[in-house]
Amino acid sequence: MKSRILSLFGLVVLVSCLSVQAAERPNVVIFLVDDMGWMDSTPYGSQYYETPNMQRLAKQSMRFTDAYALPLCSPTRASILTGQYSSRHRVTSASGHQPAAATDASPYPSSAPATKPLIYANSKNYLDPSLTTLAEVLQQADYRTGHFGKWHLGLSQEHWPDKQGFDVAFHAQPSPGPPSYFSPYGVSPDGKPSGQHHVGTITDGPDGEYITDRLTDEAIRFIEASKDQPFYLNFWHYGVHGPWGHKEEYTREFAKKSDPRGEQRNPIMASMLKSVDESLGRVLDKLDELELTDDTVVVFTSDHGYHLGEHTMWQKLSLHEESARVPLIIAGPGI
C-alpha cells in the first residue's frame, strides 16, 4: 500500500478549493527554477537581475519571506511531490541521474570510514514508486497532469514521470542539468542510459533552439490542450543550473550593467534568469488569454540556492542562507 501525506502544494490546492466556490477544482502550476537563490529576483530586492514577470506574479499573490528548501536538487523534488521529509522518502543526495542502487540497502551504513567524522545516509537514486505523488492524487481527481523539464528522480524508465502520475512528460536523463541548452539535444527515447548517453522524451528542435524556450512551448501546448478540464502543470526548468547555457545577446547587455549595491555581477546568471522570467511571463499570458488565471493556483519557487564564494563556499549543499533559502510566491483563488 502506498504511504500518503499531504504536501504543501496539496494543502494550497485544498484550501483554494474550500475558499472559492467558483474554482471547485482549480488548475495547478508549479513553476520550479533550479539553483536560483532567494535574492536573485526583483520581488526579493535585486537591482541587477531583471525579472519583471516574477514581480508581476508577486504583486497578485502571497510572497513568502522565509522559505527554505533542502539544499540539493533531488531531495527537494522528491519532497515537493510527496510532501515528505528526505529522511522518510530517503532521497538524500543529488543522485537522481545515477543508476538505481539495491532496493534492499539499509538506510544507513553500519559504520563510517576512519577518515570521515559522519555516517552519511544511503540515498535512494530514484523516487520510490510505492510513495503517492501529488500528480497521482490529482489524476484520481480527474486532473490532466503534465511534467516538463528536469526530473532528476530516477534514471530507469520505471522511475520516469509517466510512472509517477503524469499523463504527459517531456524530460531527459541522466545529467543533473539539461542534455544541452541548445538544440540538437541528442536525446534517445529508446536508448539504454549509461554514462552521458541521454534518454528521455525531449526531441530536437531547430538548430540553436534554446531549451528554456522549447520547454515553454511544450508547456503552453499542454495548457491549451487541457483548458477544458482541471490540469496540473509541473514545470521544472533546467535553468539556471550548469553548464550555464545562455543567450549571448542578453549576456552582453548585462555585462554593461552594474549593481548599485555592488552585490550581484554575474551577467551569465542574469541572462539565464531573464530567459526563465520570460518563460514565466508566457505562461501567465496564456492563462490570461484563456481566462484561466482566476481558476489557477500558481506556485513559483526554486529547488535551492547557490554559493558564489560566500563563506568561502561554492555551489550548494550547505545550510547557509545562500544555499537553503529560496523564493516562494503563490497566487490563486482565495489566496
Foldseek 3Di string as FASTA:
>chain_A
DADADQAPQNVVQVVLCVQDVVQVRFAEEEAAAAQAAACQEVVNPFPQFYQVLVVVLQVFFPWDDFDWFQLEFQQRLLCRFGVDHCLVQQQNHLQLQDAFDDPPDDQWDPDDPPVDPDTDTDGTNARDLSHATPLQVVVVVVAAEEEFEEDRHHNDPCRDVVSRRHPYYAYKDDDLAACDQWPPSQEDQPDDDDDSRMYDHHHGDPGGDGRLVVSLVVQLVVCVVRVVDHYYYYYHHRPPDPPLDFDVVQLVVSCVDAGPVRPDRRSSNSRRSRSSSVSSVVVVVSCVVSVSQQRYKYKYKYNWHFDPCVVHDGGEDDPDSRRTTMIIIIHYRPD
